[in-house]
């Protein structure tokens, strides 16, 4: 850190807790909660600052894999919306209600998280906290 950095900022950076891993956040999300369904908006809220990278990955994967016509276009539109959020330097990711209010059963999400978590944990081990 530079010597001219305000002391208050240095103190805040020292107090900052180590961020949870995305895999931990997703596991807590599927195990907790009282409703049977969970919306994409709830997932994004729990992910907080990780929401940008997570949604970029979720919407980019169908564009890389062979998919039926139309699906990559829909995902591409979502990627443009995410990019506009980044350009606008938004603190929180905003998505239209048509995307954010889609829901999935908690059991289905748990099954997906259980399958993806080992790969995600391997990726997280290679990245700094």
C-alpha atoms as a PDB file:
ATOM      1  CA  UNK A   1       0.000   0.000   0.000  1.00  0.00           C
ATOM      2  CA  UNK A   2       1.228   3.513  -0.705  1.00  0.00           C
ATOM      3  CA  UNK A   3       2.454   5.667   2.152  1.00  0.00           C
ATOM      4  CA  UNK A   4      -0.076   8.395   1.230  1.00  0.00           C
ATOM      5  CA  UNK A   5      -3.076   6.063   1.701  1.00  0.00           C
ATOM      6  CA  UNK A   6      -5.369   7.423   4.451  1.00  0.00           C
ATOM      7  CA  UNK A   7      -4.962   5.667   7.774  1.00  0.00           C
ATOM      8  CA  UNK A   8      -8.697   5.045   7.976  1.00  0.00           C
ATOM      9  CA  UNK A   9      -8.640   3.032   4.751  1.00  0.00           C
ATOM     10  CA  UNK A  10      -5.693   0.968   5.965  1.00  0.00           C
ATOM     11  CA  UNK A  11      -7.514   0.201   9.211  1.00  0.00           C
ATOM     12  CA  UNK A  12     -10.673  -0.833   7.340  1.00  0.00           C
ATOM     13  CA  UNK A  13      -8.702  -3.138   5.055  1.00  0.00           C
ATOM     14  CA  UNK A  14      -7.097  -4.845   8.064  1.00  0.00           C
ATOM     15  CA  UNK A  15     -10.523  -5.425   9.668  1.00  0.00           C
ATOM     16  CA  UNK A  16     -12.097  -6.826   6.496  1.00  0.00           C
ATOM     17  CA  UNK A  17     -13.086 -10.466   7.076  1.00  0.00           C
ATOM     18  CA  UNK A  18     -11.829 -13.160   4.768  1.00  0.00           C
ATOM     19  CA  UNK A  19     -14.580 -13.680   2.176  1.00  0.00           C
ATOM     20  CA  UNK A  20     -16.484 -16.933   2.135  1.00  0.00           C
ATOM     21  CA  UNK A  21     -15.989 -19.173  -0.828  1.00  0.00           C
ATOM     22  CA  UNK A  22     -18.778 -19.265  -3.410  1.00  0.00           C
ATOM     23  CA  UNK A  23     -19.214 -22.978  -2.840  1.00  0.00           C
ATOM     24  CA  UNK A  24     -19.863 -22.325   0.873  1.00  0.00           C
ATOM     25  CA  UNK A  25     -22.382 -19.599   0.088  1.00  0.00           C
ATOM     26  CA  UNK A  26     -24.260 -21.874  -2.331  1.00  0.00           C
ATOM     27  CA  UNK A  27     -24.317 -24.763   0.139  1.00  0.00           C
ATOM     28  CA  UNK A  28     -25.631 -22.523   2.923  1.00  0.00           C
ATOM     29  CA  UNK A  29     -28.261 -21.194   0.552  1.00  0.00           C
ATOM     30  CA  UNK A  30     -29.682 -24.610  -0.346  1.00  0.00           C
ATOM     31  CA  UNK A  31     -29.532 -25.989   3.184  1.00  0.00           C
ATOM     32  CA  UNK A  32     -31.114 -22.968   4.871  1.00  0.00           C
ATOM     33  CA  UNK A  33     -34.407 -21.336   4.106  1.00  0.00           C
ATOM     34  CA  UNK A  34     -38.000 -22.070   4.820  1.00  0.00           C
ATOM     35  CA  UNK A  35     -39.549 -22.022   1.352  1.00  0.00           C
ATOM     36  CA  UNK A  36     -39.653 -24.877  -1.144  1.00  0.00           C
ATOM     37  CA  UNK A  37     -38.629 -22.663  -4.091  1.00  0.00           C
ATOM     38  CA  UNK A  38     -35.767 -20.212  -4.462  1.00  0.00           C
ATOM     39  CA  UNK A  39     -35.542 -17.389  -7.001  1.00  0.00           C
ATOM     40  CA  UNK A  40     -32.509 -16.343  -8.983  1.00  0.00           C
ATOM     41  CA  UNK A  41     -32.804 -12.963  -7.216  1.00  0.00           C
ATOM     42  CA  UNK A  42     -32.324 -14.681  -3.825  1.00  0.00           C
ATOM     43  CA  UNK A  43     -29.242 -16.490  -5.114  1.00  0.00           C
ATOM     44  CA  UNK A  44     -27.771 -13.210  -6.385  1.00  0.00           C
ATOM     45  CA  UNK A  45     -28.536 -11.467  -3.092  1.00  0.00           C
ATOM     46  CA  UNK A  46     -26.700 -14.144  -1.123  1.00  0.00           C
ATOM     47  CA  UNK A  47     -23.717 -14.055  -3.483  1.00  0.00           C
ATOM     48  CA  UNK A  48     -23.389 -10.260  -3.004  1.00  0.00           C
ATOM     49  CA  UNK A  49     -20.183  -9.099  -4.754  1.00  0.00           C
ATOM     50  CA  UNK A  50     -19.696 -12.533  -6.371  1.00  0.00           C
ATOM     51  CA  UNK A  51     -22.936 -12.191  -8.329  1.00  0.00           C
ATOM     52  CA  UNK A  52     -21.290 -10.603 -11.378  1.00  0.00           C
ATOM     53  CA  UNK A  53     -18.787 -13.394 -11.970  1.00  0.00           C
ATOM     54  CA  UNK A  54     -21.254 -16.134 -11.110  1.00  0.00           C
ATOM     55  CA  UNK A  55     -23.910 -14.898 -13.540  1.00  0.00           C
ATOM     56  CA  UNK A  56     -21.331 -14.329 -16.269  1.00  0.00           C
ATOM     57  CA  UNK A  57     -20.299 -17.961 -15.901  1.00  0.00           C
ATOM     58  CA  UNK A  58     -23.886 -19.263 -15.782  1.00  0.00           C
ATOM     59  CA  UNK A  59     -24.940 -17.396 -18.922  1.00  0.00           C
ATOM     60  CA  UNK A  60     -21.670 -17.938 -20.824  1.00  0.00           C
ATOM     61  CA  UNK A  61     -21.616 -21.740 -20.500  1.00  0.00           C
ATOM     62  CA  UNK A  62     -24.610 -22.323 -22.819  1.00  0.00           C
ATOM     63  CA  UNK A  63     -22.888 -20.172 -25.438  1.00  0.00           C
ATOM     64  CA  UNK A  64     -19.839 -22.485 -25.330  1.00  0.00           C
ATOM     65  CA  UNK A  65     -21.727 -25.760 -25.488  1.00  0.00           C
ATOM     66  CA  UNK A  66     -23.843 -27.133 -28.314  1.00  0.00           C
ATOM     67  CA  UNK A  67     -27.371 -25.938 -27.568  1.00  0.00           C
ATOM     68  CA  UNK A  68     -30.628 -25.721 -29.493  1.00  0.00           C
ATOM     69  CA  UNK A  69     -30.999 -22.584 -31.627  1.00  0.00           C
ATOM     70  CA  UNK A  70     -32.196 -19.573 -29.698  1.00  0.00           C
ATOM     71  CA  UNK A  71     -30.777 -20.462 -26.284  1.00  0.00           C
ATOM     72  CA  UNK A  72     -27.344 -18.882 -26.930  1.00  0.00           C
ATOM     73  CA  UNK A  73     -29.121 -15.749 -28.134  1.00  0.00           C
ATOM     74  CA  UNK A  74     -31.132 -15.480 -24.916  1.00  0.00           C
ATOM     75  CA  UNK A  75     -28.000 -16.057 -22.859  1.00  0.00           C
ATOM     76  CA  UNK A  76     -26.166 -13.473 -24.971  1.00  0.00           C
ATOM     77  CA  UNK A  77     -28.815 -10.873 -24.135  1.00  0.00           C
ATOM     78  CA  UNK A  78     -28.353 -11.647 -20.434  1.00  0.00           C
ATOM     79  CA  UNK A  79     -24.577 -11.252 -20.870  1.00  0.00           C
ATOM     80  CA  UNK A  80     -25.134  -7.815 -22.434  1.00  0.00           C
ATOM     81  CA  UNK A  81     -27.267  -6.785 -19.444  1.00  0.00           C
ATOM     82  CA  UNK A  82     -24.533  -7.944 -17.046  1.00  0.00           C
ATOM     83  CA  UNK A  83     -21.908  -6.078 -19.081  1.00  0.00           C
ATOM     84  CA  UNK A  84     -24.003  -2.899 -18.907  1.00  0.00           C
ATOM     85  CA  UNK A  85     -24.123  -3.284 -15.114  1.00  0.00           C
ATOM     86  CA  UNK A  86     -20.319  -3.506 -15.074  1.00  0.00           C
ATOM     87  CA  UNK A  87     -19.953  -0.488 -17.369  1.00  0.00           C
ATOM     88  CA  UNK A  88     -22.268   1.512 -15.115  1.00  0.00           C
ATOM     89  CA  UNK A  89     -20.101   0.475 -12.130  1.00  0.00           C
ATOM     90  CA  UNK A  90     -23.107  -0.743 -10.173  1.00  0.00           C
ATOM     91  CA  UNK A  91     -22.432  -2.106  -6.701  1.00  0.00           C
ATOM     92  CA  UNK A  92     -25.212  -4.690  -6.987  1.00  0.00           C
ATOM     93  CA  UNK A  93     -26.152  -6.672 -10.049  1.00  0.00           C
ATOM     94  CA  UNK A  94     -29.506  -5.673 -11.534  1.00  0.00           C
ATOM     95  CA  UNK A  95     -31.374  -8.086 -13.782  1.00  0.00           C
ATOM     96  CA  UNK A  96     -34.850  -7.686 -15.271  1.00  0.00           C
ATOM     97  CA  UNK A  97     -37.681  -9.311 -13.319  1.00  0.00           C
ATOM     98  CA  UNK A  98     -38.186 -11.793 -16.148  1.00  0.00           C
ATOM     99  CA  UNK A  99     -34.790 -13.286 -15.279  1.00  0.00           C
ATOM    100  CA  UNK A 100     -34.434 -12.488 -11.569  1.00  0.00           C
ATOM    101  CA  UNK A 101     -37.835 -13.841 -10.541  1.00  0.00           C
ATOM    102  CA  UNK A 102     -37.377 -17.265 -12.141  1.00  0.00           C
ATOM    103  CA  UNK A 103     -37.401 -19.915  -9.454  1.00  0.00           C
ATOM    104  CA  UNK A 104     -36.305 -23.480  -8.957  1.00  0.00           C
ATOM    105  CA  UNK A 105     -37.143 -25.955  -6.237  1.00  0.00           C
ATOM    106  CA  UNK A 106     -34.658 -26.010  -3.398  1.00  0.00           C
ATOM    107  CA  UNK A 107     -34.197 -29.782  -3.908  1.00  0.00           C
ATOM    108  CA  UNK A 108     -33.247 -29.287  -7.584  1.00  0.00           C
ATOM    109  CA  UNK A 109     -30.839 -26.497  -6.667  1.00  0.00           C
ATOM    110  CA  UNK A 110     -29.310 -28.696  -3.952  1.00  0.00           C
ATOM    111  CA  UNK A 111     -28.787 -31.465  -6.505  1.00  0.00           C
ATOM    112  CA  UNK A 112     -27.080 -29.006  -8.886  1.00  0.00           C
ATOM    113  CA  UNK A 113     -24.889 -27.548  -6.131  1.00  0.00           C
ATOM    114  CA  UNK A 114     -23.880 -31.035  -4.978  1.00  0.00           C
ATOM    115  CA  UNK A 115     -22.761 -31.903  -8.512  1.00  0.00           C
ATOM    116  CA  UNK A 116     -20.951 -28.619  -9.209  1.00  0.00           C
ATOM    117  CA  UNK A 117     -19.407 -27.941  -5.780  1.00  0.00           C
ATOM    118  CA  UNK A 118     -16.400 -30.303  -6.133  1.00  0.00           C
ATOM    119  CA  UNK A 119     -15.352 -28.597  -9.388  1.00  0.00           C
ATOM    120  CA  UNK A 120     -15.988 -25.157  -7.919  1.00  0.00           C
ATOM    121  CA  UNK A 121     -13.914 -25.992  -4.835  1.00  0.00           C
ATOM    122  CA  UNK A 122     -11.001 -27.076  -7.038  1.00  0.00           C
ATOM    123  CA  UNK A 123     -11.203 -23.742  -8.863  1.00  0.00           C
ATOM    124  CA  UNK A 124     -11.373 -21.846  -5.579  1.00  0.00           C
ATOM    125  CA  UNK A 125      -8.254 -23.559  -4.220  1.00  0.00           C
ATOM    126  CA  UNK A 126      -6.290 -22.135  -7.131  1.00  0.00           C
ATOM    127  CA  UNK A 127      -7.521 -18.585  -6.493  1.00  0.00           C
ATOM    128  CA  UNK A 128      -6.468 -16.254  -3.705  1.00  0.00           C
ATOM    129  CA  UNK A 129      -9.070 -15.561  -0.999  1.00  0.00           C
END
